[in-house]
């Protein structure tokens, strides 16, 4: 691993690598990263321009991807197989039938025994202001409670940006 210091003007993807870790694939620093350094600016792999989506919407976007991008998408993590009791067993009667369908689809994807296109989306989607998107590399970055990086959607450029919020040591999960 390199011992050079990455600065905001020099930080590129060469300063992190995607590799296997204890919880699957993750982004690991390959050089010392200073706070404020740009780690990544990445366009979406799959994006929906609404925060009110159904299983069909995500599956249609997935079907429109070239096979190589579908393979990348399906290689991302999925939080399927969650216990039934993590989700409410009833939906309030005032909820519209359309919203009821959407809630049931999302709960089924989380509780399903198999990975699905929707479960991958729900596990990896990041806010894009007017919707959400999944990213090939940004989805591999750490999303912990005490992060060392900050994620932000840049609408003007159409990219997810990730900046270091504290010093990141070589080999540390970004």
Protein backbone atom coordinates (compact mmCIF):
# COMPACT_ATOMS: atom_id res chain seq x y z
CA UNK A 1 0.00 0.00 0.00
CA UNK A 2 1.10 3.52 -0.76
CA UNK A 3 2.16 5.75 2.10
CA UNK A 4 1.52 8.99 0.23
CA UNK A 5 -0.97 11.51 1.53
CA UNK A 6 -4.03 12.09 -0.64
CA UNK A 7 -5.21 15.69 -0.90
CA UNK A 8 -8.53 17.00 -2.26
CA UNK A 9 -6.88 17.81 -5.59
CA UNK A 10 -5.18 14.41 -5.95
CA UNK A 11 -7.75 12.02 -4.46
CA UNK A 12 -8.92 9.57 -7.09
CA UNK A 13 -10.18 6.03 -7.19
CA UNK A 14 -6.56 4.87 -7.14
CA UNK A 15 -6.57 5.79 -3.44
CA UNK A 16 -9.13 3.15 -2.54
CA UNK A 17 -9.79 -0.38 -3.63
CA UNK A 18 -12.85 -2.58 -3.50
CA UNK A 19 -12.02 -5.84 -1.77
CA UNK A 20 -13.55 -8.54 0.42
CA UNK A 21 -13.91 -7.82 4.11
CA UNK A 22 -15.73 -9.33 7.10
CA UNK A 23 -19.13 -8.12 5.84
CA UNK A 24 -18.66 -8.57 2.09
CA UNK A 25 -17.05 -6.26 -0.44
CA UNK A 26 -16.04 -2.84 0.80
CA UNK A 27 -13.96 0.22 -0.08
CA UNK A 28 -10.56 0.33 1.63
CA UNK A 29 -8.12 3.23 1.59
CA UNK A 30 -4.84 2.53 -0.17
CA UNK A 31 -3.21 5.77 1.05
CA UNK A 32 -3.58 8.18 3.95
CA UNK A 33 -6.64 10.32 3.25
CA UNK A 34 -7.02 13.80 4.74
CA UNK A 35 -10.40 15.27 5.78
CA UNK A 36 -12.12 17.00 2.88
CA UNK A 37 -10.57 14.76 0.23
CA UNK A 38 -12.87 13.74 -2.60
CA UNK A 39 -13.03 9.95 -2.56
CA UNK A 40 -15.48 9.40 -5.39
CA UNK A 41 -17.77 11.16 -7.86
CA UNK A 42 -19.85 8.48 -9.56
CA UNK A 43 -22.89 8.47 -11.86
CA UNK A 44 -25.69 6.05 -10.94
CA UNK A 45 -25.87 2.47 -12.06
CA UNK A 46 -29.67 2.59 -11.72
CA UNK A 47 -31.74 5.67 -10.80
CA UNK A 48 -35.43 6.34 -10.26
CA UNK A 49 -36.66 9.93 -10.29
CA UNK A 50 -39.30 9.54 -7.63
CA UNK A 51 -39.30 8.47 -4.01
CA UNK A 52 -42.65 6.76 -4.57
CA UNK A 53 -41.76 3.62 -6.49
CA UNK A 54 -43.07 0.10 -6.88
CA UNK A 55 -41.36 -3.22 -7.47
CA UNK A 56 -42.35 -3.02 -11.14
CA UNK A 57 -40.62 0.37 -11.53
CA UNK A 58 -37.29 -0.92 -10.23
CA UNK A 59 -37.55 -4.14 -12.24
CA UNK A 60 -38.24 -2.15 -15.44
CA UNK A 61 -35.17 0.05 -14.86
CA UNK A 62 -33.09 -3.06 -14.17
CA UNK A 63 -34.36 -4.76 -17.37
CA UNK A 64 -33.22 -1.71 -19.38
CA UNK A 65 -29.62 -2.10 -18.15
CA UNK A 66 -27.11 -3.90 -20.38
CA UNK A 67 -26.29 -7.43 -19.13
CA UNK A 68 -22.87 -6.33 -17.82
CA UNK A 69 -24.53 -3.65 -15.64
CA UNK A 70 -27.20 -6.12 -14.48
CA UNK A 71 -24.42 -8.42 -13.32
CA UNK A 72 -22.78 -5.59 -11.36
CA UNK A 73 -26.15 -4.62 -9.84
CA UNK A 74 -26.84 -8.18 -8.72
CA UNK A 75 -23.38 -8.41 -7.14
CA UNK A 76 -24.37 -5.73 -4.60
CA UNK A 77 -25.54 -6.62 -1.10
CA UNK A 78 -29.13 -7.41 -0.25
CA UNK A 79 -30.78 -7.24 3.16
CA UNK A 80 -33.31 -9.95 2.34
CA UNK A 81 -34.18 -12.67 4.82
CA UNK A 82 -35.01 -10.32 7.67
CA UNK A 83 -37.29 -11.58 10.45
CA UNK A 84 -41.01 -11.11 9.94
CA UNK A 85 -41.42 -9.44 13.32
CA UNK A 86 -39.17 -6.53 12.30
CA UNK A 87 -42.07 -5.15 10.27
CA UNK A 88 -45.63 -4.31 11.25
CA UNK A 89 -48.15 -7.07 10.64
CA UNK A 90 -50.91 -4.56 9.89
CA UNK A 91 -51.18 -1.42 7.81
CA UNK A 92 -53.41 1.38 9.05
CA UNK A 93 -56.85 1.28 7.36
CA UNK A 94 -56.51 4.92 6.25
CA UNK A 95 -53.57 4.03 4.00
CA UNK A 96 -54.58 4.03 0.33
CA UNK A 97 -54.70 0.73 -1.54
CA UNK A 98 -51.83 1.89 -3.80
CA UNK A 99 -49.60 2.76 -0.83
CA UNK A 100 -50.62 -0.49 0.89
CA UNK A 101 -49.39 -2.41 -2.19
CA UNK A 102 -46.08 -0.53 -2.16
CA UNK A 103 -45.52 -1.19 1.56
CA UNK A 104 -46.30 -4.89 1.15
CA UNK A 105 -43.89 -5.20 -1.80
CA UNK A 106 -41.08 -3.60 0.17
CA UNK A 107 -41.71 -5.68 3.28
CA UNK A 108 -41.83 -8.84 1.16
CA UNK A 109 -38.48 -7.95 -0.44
CA UNK A 110 -36.88 -7.47 2.98
CA UNK A 111 -38.38 -10.65 4.43
CA UNK A 112 -37.99 -12.79 1.30
CA UNK A 113 -35.69 -15.77 1.52
CA UNK A 114 -34.00 -14.91 -1.80
CA UNK A 115 -32.17 -11.85 -3.08
CA UNK A 116 -34.31 -9.82 -5.50
CA UNK A 117 -33.92 -6.78 -7.71
CA UNK A 118 -36.02 -4.79 -5.23
CA UNK A 119 -34.12 -6.04 -2.15
CA UNK A 120 -30.82 -4.97 -3.74
CA UNK A 121 -32.29 -1.56 -4.53
CA UNK A 122 -33.68 -1.05 -1.04
CA UNK A 123 -30.37 -2.09 0.55
CA UNK A 124 -28.15 0.13 -1.60
CA UNK A 125 -30.29 3.08 -2.74
CA UNK A 126 -29.08 6.57 -1.89
CA UNK A 127 -31.17 9.73 -1.92
CA UNK A 128 -30.92 11.86 -5.06
CA UNK A 129 -33.23 14.66 -3.96
CA UNK A 130 -36.16 13.71 -6.19
CA UNK A 131 -35.62 9.98 -6.03
CA UNK A 132 -32.96 7.39 -5.33
CA UNK A 133 -30.12 5.62 -7.07
CA UNK A 134 -27.80 2.64 -6.73
CA UNK A 135 -24.10 2.97 -7.51
CA UNK A 136 -21.49 0.39 -8.47
CA UNK A 137 -18.71 1.68 -6.18
CA UNK A 138 -20.43 4.13 -3.80
CA UNK A 139 -22.64 1.27 -2.61
CA UNK A 140 -19.48 -0.48 -1.38
CA UNK A 141 -18.50 2.37 0.93
CA UNK A 142 -19.13 2.10 4.66
CA UNK A 143 -22.54 3.30 5.85
CA UNK A 144 -21.92 3.08 9.60
CA UNK A 145 -23.26 5.19 12.48
CA UNK A 146 -19.88 6.91 12.94
CA UNK A 147 -18.75 7.43 9.33
CA UNK A 148 -15.38 8.63 8.10
CA UNK A 149 -16.90 9.89 4.85
CA UNK A 150 -19.91 11.95 3.78
CA UNK A 151 -22.18 11.11 0.85
CA UNK A 152 -24.00 13.78 -1.18
CA UNK A 153 -25.90 13.79 -4.46
CA UNK A 154 -24.75 16.49 -6.90
CA UNK A 155 -27.75 17.12 -9.16
CA UNK A 156 -25.91 19.50 -11.45
CA UNK A 157 -23.23 16.90 -12.28
CA UNK A 158 -25.52 13.87 -11.89
CA UNK A 159 -23.09 12.11 -9.55
CA UNK A 160 -22.89 10.85 -5.99
CA UNK A 161 -19.91 12.43 -4.25
CA UNK A 162 -18.10 11.00 -1.27
CA UNK A 163 -15.74 13.16 0.79
CA UNK A 164 -13.56 12.13 3.73
CA UNK A 165 -14.82 13.70 6.96
CA UNK A 166 -11.80 12.64 9.00
CA UNK A 167 -8.38 11.14 8.39
CA UNK A 168 -8.57 7.65 6.93
CA UNK A 169 -5.60 5.37 7.42
CA UNK A 170 -4.35 3.04 4.66
CA UNK A 171 -6.28 -0.24 4.89
CA UNK A 172 -9.19 1.37 6.78
CA UNK A 173 -12.71 0.91 5.45
CA UNK A 174 -13.87 4.09 3.72
